[in-house]
Protein backbone atom coordinates (compact mmCIF):
# COMPACT_ATOMS: atom_id res chain seq x y z
CA ILE A 1 14.14 -33.16 30.89
CA TYR A 2 11.88 -30.25 30.05
CA ALA A 3 8.64 -31.21 28.32
CA SER A 4 6.25 -28.64 27.01
CA ARG A 5 2.67 -29.16 27.99
CA TRP A 6 1.66 -28.26 24.44
CA ALA A 7 4.02 -30.73 22.75
CA LEU A 8 2.15 -33.22 20.65
CA PRO A 9 2.70 -36.95 21.09
CA GLY A 10 4.44 -38.87 18.31
CA PRO A 11 1.46 -40.42 16.49
CA VAL A 12 -0.30 -37.07 16.24
CA ASN A 13 2.67 -35.46 14.52
CA ALA A 14 1.83 -37.14 11.21
CA TRP A 15 -1.75 -35.85 11.41
CA PHE A 16 -0.53 -32.45 12.53
CA TYR A 17 1.92 -31.98 9.67
CA GLY A 18 -0.55 -33.54 7.25
CA LEU A 19 -3.07 -30.85 8.13
CA LEU A 20 -0.46 -28.18 7.50
CA LEU A 21 0.42 -29.74 4.16
CA GLY A 22 -3.27 -29.91 3.27
CA THR A 23 -3.64 -26.23 4.07
CA VAL A 24 -0.72 -25.29 1.86
CA ILE A 25 -2.05 -27.51 -0.94
CA LEU A 26 -5.43 -25.76 -0.67
CA LEU A 27 -3.73 -22.39 -1.01
CA LEU A 28 -1.77 -23.55 -4.04
CA TRP A 29 -4.92 -25.05 -5.57
CA VAL A 30 -6.74 -21.72 -5.21
CA LEU A 31 -3.81 -19.83 -6.71
CA MET A 32 -3.45 -22.21 -9.65
CA GLY A 33 -7.22 -22.16 -10.23
CA SER A 34 -7.11 -18.39 -10.22
CA ARG A 35 -4.79 -18.48 -13.22
CA SER A 36 -7.31 -20.32 -15.37
CA TYR A 37 -10.12 -18.08 -14.11
CA MET A 38 -7.98 -15.06 -14.98
CA GLN A 39 -7.91 -16.24 -18.60
CA LYS A 40 -11.72 -16.19 -18.65
CA ILE A 41 -11.81 -12.74 -17.09
CA ARG A 42 -9.46 -11.30 -19.72
CA LYS A 43 -11.84 -12.37 -22.49
CA GLN A 44 -14.66 -10.16 -21.18
CA ILE A 45 -15.45 -7.13 -23.32
CA SER A 46 -16.61 -4.73 -20.62
CA LEU A 47 -14.01 -3.22 -18.30
CA GLY A 48 -16.58 -3.08 -15.50
CA GLU A 49 -17.31 -6.81 -15.82
CA ARG A 50 -13.61 -7.64 -15.78
CA ILE A 51 -13.04 -5.56 -12.65
CA ASP A 52 -16.06 -7.11 -10.89
CA GLN A 53 -14.88 -10.63 -11.65
CA TYR A 54 -11.31 -9.73 -10.68
CA ALA A 55 -12.58 -8.42 -7.32
CA ARG A 56 -14.32 -11.75 -6.72
CA LEU A 57 -11.14 -13.61 -7.62
CA VAL A 58 -9.07 -11.47 -5.25
CA PHE A 59 -11.63 -12.11 -2.51
CA TYR A 60 -11.17 -15.88 -2.89
CA ARG A 61 -7.39 -15.56 -3.02
CA LEU A 62 -7.29 -13.46 0.14
CA GLY A 63 -9.74 -15.81 1.86
CA ALA A 64 -7.52 -18.80 1.19
CA GLY A 65 -4.52 -16.77 2.27
CA ALA A 66 -6.23 -15.72 5.49
CA MET A 67 -6.97 -19.34 6.30
CA VAL A 68 -3.32 -20.26 5.84
CA GLY A 69 -2.33 -17.16 7.77
CA MET A 70 -4.45 -18.25 10.73
CA VAL A 71 -3.34 -21.89 10.70
CA ALA A 72 0.41 -21.19 10.88
CA PRO A 73 0.33 -19.31 14.22
CA LEU A 74 -2.08 -21.88 15.62
CA PHE A 75 0.33 -24.67 14.73
CA PHE A 76 3.22 -22.66 16.19
CA TYR A 77 1.29 -22.21 19.43
CA MET A 78 0.45 -25.89 19.63
CA SER A 79 3.88 -27.26 18.75
CA ASN A 80 6.43 -24.57 19.72
CA ASP A 81 8.18 -25.40 16.46
CA LEU A 82 9.97 -22.39 14.98
CA ARG A 83 9.39 -23.66 11.45
CA PHE A 84 5.81 -22.47 11.73
CA ALA A 85 6.94 -19.01 12.79
CA THR A 86 9.27 -18.97 9.78
CA PHE A 87 6.42 -20.14 7.56
CA MET A 88 4.22 -17.34 8.90
CA LEU A 89 6.90 -14.73 8.21
CA ILE A 90 7.38 -16.00 4.66
CA PHE A 91 3.63 -16.00 4.16
CA LEU A 92 3.31 -12.39 5.37
CA LEU A 93 6.07 -11.28 3.02
CA TRP A 94 4.44 -13.20 0.16
CA THR A 95 1.09 -11.54 0.90
CA ALA A 96 2.69 -8.10 0.96
CA ARG A 97 4.40 -8.78 -2.37
CA PHE A 98 1.20 -9.86 -4.12
CA TRP A 99 -1.25 -7.47 -2.44
CA PRO A 100 -3.89 -6.33 -4.95
CA GLY A 101 -3.63 -2.75 -6.06
CA ARG A 102 -4.27 -0.66 -9.14
CA ARG A 103 -0.97 -1.49 -10.80
CA ARG A 104 -1.44 -5.20 -10.09
CA LEU A 105 -4.98 -5.06 -11.51
CA CYS A 106 -3.68 -3.51 -14.71
CA ASP A 107 -0.89 -6.07 -15.00
CA GLU A 108 -3.02 -9.14 -14.29
CA LEU A 109 -5.88 -8.11 -16.56
CA LYS A 110 -3.42 -6.95 -19.27
CA LEU A 111 -5.33 -3.74 -19.83
CA THR A 112 -4.73 -1.45 -22.77
CA SER A 113 -3.14 1.93 -22.18
CA SER A 114 -6.48 3.78 -22.34
CA GLU A 115 -8.01 1.35 -19.81
CA GLN A 116 -4.96 1.76 -17.57
CA GLU A 117 -5.44 5.53 -17.59
CA VAL A 118 -9.02 5.07 -16.39
CA ILE A 119 -7.91 2.75 -13.58
CA MET A 120 -4.92 4.83 -12.48
CA LYS A 121 -6.94 8.07 -12.20
CA ARG A 122 -8.20 8.77 -8.71
């Protein structure tokens, strides 16, 4: 019987998958917290202040995403379990879908048409 030298023993599997679950929960916690923080950002009067705070929020979102993005391949390498490769692919597609850009900034901050014109100009 073939046994991988990187395969984890049985008792470690619970810890291993628990760490993955904790990582995903952290990502979801950051994303859900960003929704409430977004409400505070929208109440700002100054467009510059809103954009500065939005940039900070995007930085935290991408930081949490990068952590999850680094953990999935590490787990795949350690376990040779294709579910982690699938998870990584789904995560990359999710990141591409929600990548911050000008249009996303306008949509998330719910800017007025005059503010959108300022943002969309190069």
